[in-house]
Amino acid sequence: MWISNAKDAGLFMVMANVDLTLGYKGITCFLVDCDTEGLHIGKPENKMGSRASFTCPLTFENVKVPEANILGQIGHGYK
């Protein structure tokens, strides 16, 4: 996934499904700090337009997010 201004962000709002059997009802919003182990911000993409904001790939490798970082309630990511 590519995120605008990712290299300047200190915190990411990540929408993820906590239970695939629930479909969209499992979508939950998490706050993920940029220093979280397993979160990798790649180098900025070379784009033709909008060069004023950097767009970087963001990857997650076995990222663990504490329960305190759930924004709202589990399964209420779309509310």
Protein backbone atom coordinates (compact mmCIF):
# COMPACT_ATOMS: atom_id res chain seq x y z
CA MET A 1 0.00 0.00 0.00
CA TRP A 2 1.20 3.52 -0.71
CA ILE A 3 0.64 6.36 1.75
CA SER A 4 0.97 10.08 1.05
CA ASN A 5 3.41 11.80 3.43
CA ALA A 6 4.19 8.47 5.15
CA LYS A 7 7.81 9.43 5.81
CA ASP A 8 6.65 12.47 7.81
CA ALA A 9 3.89 10.74 9.80
CA GLY A 10 4.30 9.88 13.46
CA LEU A 11 1.09 7.88 13.72
CA PHE A 12 -0.98 5.87 11.24
CA MET A 13 -4.69 5.07 11.33
CA VAL A 14 -4.90 1.52 10.02
CA MET A 15 -8.15 -0.19 9.08
CA ALA A 16 -7.85 -3.97 9.39
CA ASN A 17 -10.22 -6.90 9.57
CA VAL A 18 -9.87 -8.73 12.91
CA ASP A 19 -12.03 -11.68 11.79
CA LEU A 20 -12.38 -12.47 8.09
CA THR A 21 -15.49 -14.58 8.72
CA LEU A 22 -17.29 -11.39 9.78
CA GLY A 23 -16.64 -9.66 6.46
CA TYR A 24 -16.85 -5.87 6.69
CA LYS A 25 -18.25 -6.17 10.25
CA GLY A 26 -14.77 -7.20 11.43
CA ILE A 27 -13.13 -3.96 10.23
CA THR A 28 -11.45 -2.18 13.14
CA CYS A 29 -9.40 1.03 13.27
CA PHE A 30 -6.00 0.86 14.97
CA LEU A 31 -3.52 3.61 15.81
CA VAL A 32 -0.02 2.44 14.87
CA ASP A 33 3.06 4.44 15.88
CA CYS A 34 5.65 4.90 13.14
CA ASP A 35 8.29 3.29 15.41
CA THR A 36 6.32 0.05 15.83
CA GLU A 37 8.42 -3.07 15.30
CA GLY A 38 7.60 -4.68 11.95
CA LEU A 39 6.24 -1.49 10.36
CA HIS A 40 8.39 -0.47 7.40
CA ILE A 41 8.19 2.82 5.52
CA GLY A 42 9.82 2.51 2.11
CA LYS A 43 11.57 5.15 0.05
CA PRO A 44 9.42 7.76 -1.71
CA GLU A 45 8.05 6.82 -5.13
CA ASN A 46 9.18 8.78 -8.19
CA LYS A 47 5.88 10.26 -9.38
CA MET A 48 4.95 12.35 -12.41
CA GLY A 49 2.40 14.57 -10.62
CA SER A 50 2.00 15.89 -7.08
CA ARG A 51 5.68 16.01 -6.20
CA ALA A 52 4.99 18.29 -3.24
CA SER A 53 3.93 15.32 -1.10
CA PHE A 54 5.96 12.15 -0.80
CA THR A 55 4.21 8.84 -1.43
CA CYS A 56 5.90 5.87 0.22
CA PRO A 57 5.09 2.18 0.43
CA LEU A 58 4.04 0.99 3.88
CA THR A 59 4.44 -2.68 4.82
CA PHE A 60 3.58 -4.65 7.94
CA GLU A 61 5.50 -7.74 9.09
CA ASN A 62 3.97 -9.44 12.15
CA VAL A 63 3.06 -6.07 13.66
CA LYS A 64 1.53 -6.32 17.12
CA VAL A 65 -0.73 -3.48 18.23
CA PRO A 66 -1.75 -3.13 21.89
CA GLU A 67 -5.47 -3.24 22.70
CA ALA A 68 -5.18 0.34 23.97
CA ASN A 69 -4.49 1.41 20.35
CA ILE A 70 -7.93 0.38 19.09
CA LEU A 71 -9.79 3.49 18.00
CA GLY A 72 -13.42 3.00 18.95
CA GLN A 73 -14.61 -0.59 19.27
CA ILE A 74 -13.66 -3.83 17.54
CA GLY A 75 -15.75 -4.18 14.41
CA HIS A 76 -16.78 -0.53 14.32
CA GLY A 77 -14.12 0.70 11.90
CA TYR A 78 -16.72 1.92 9.42
CA LYS A 79 -18.81 3.79 12.00
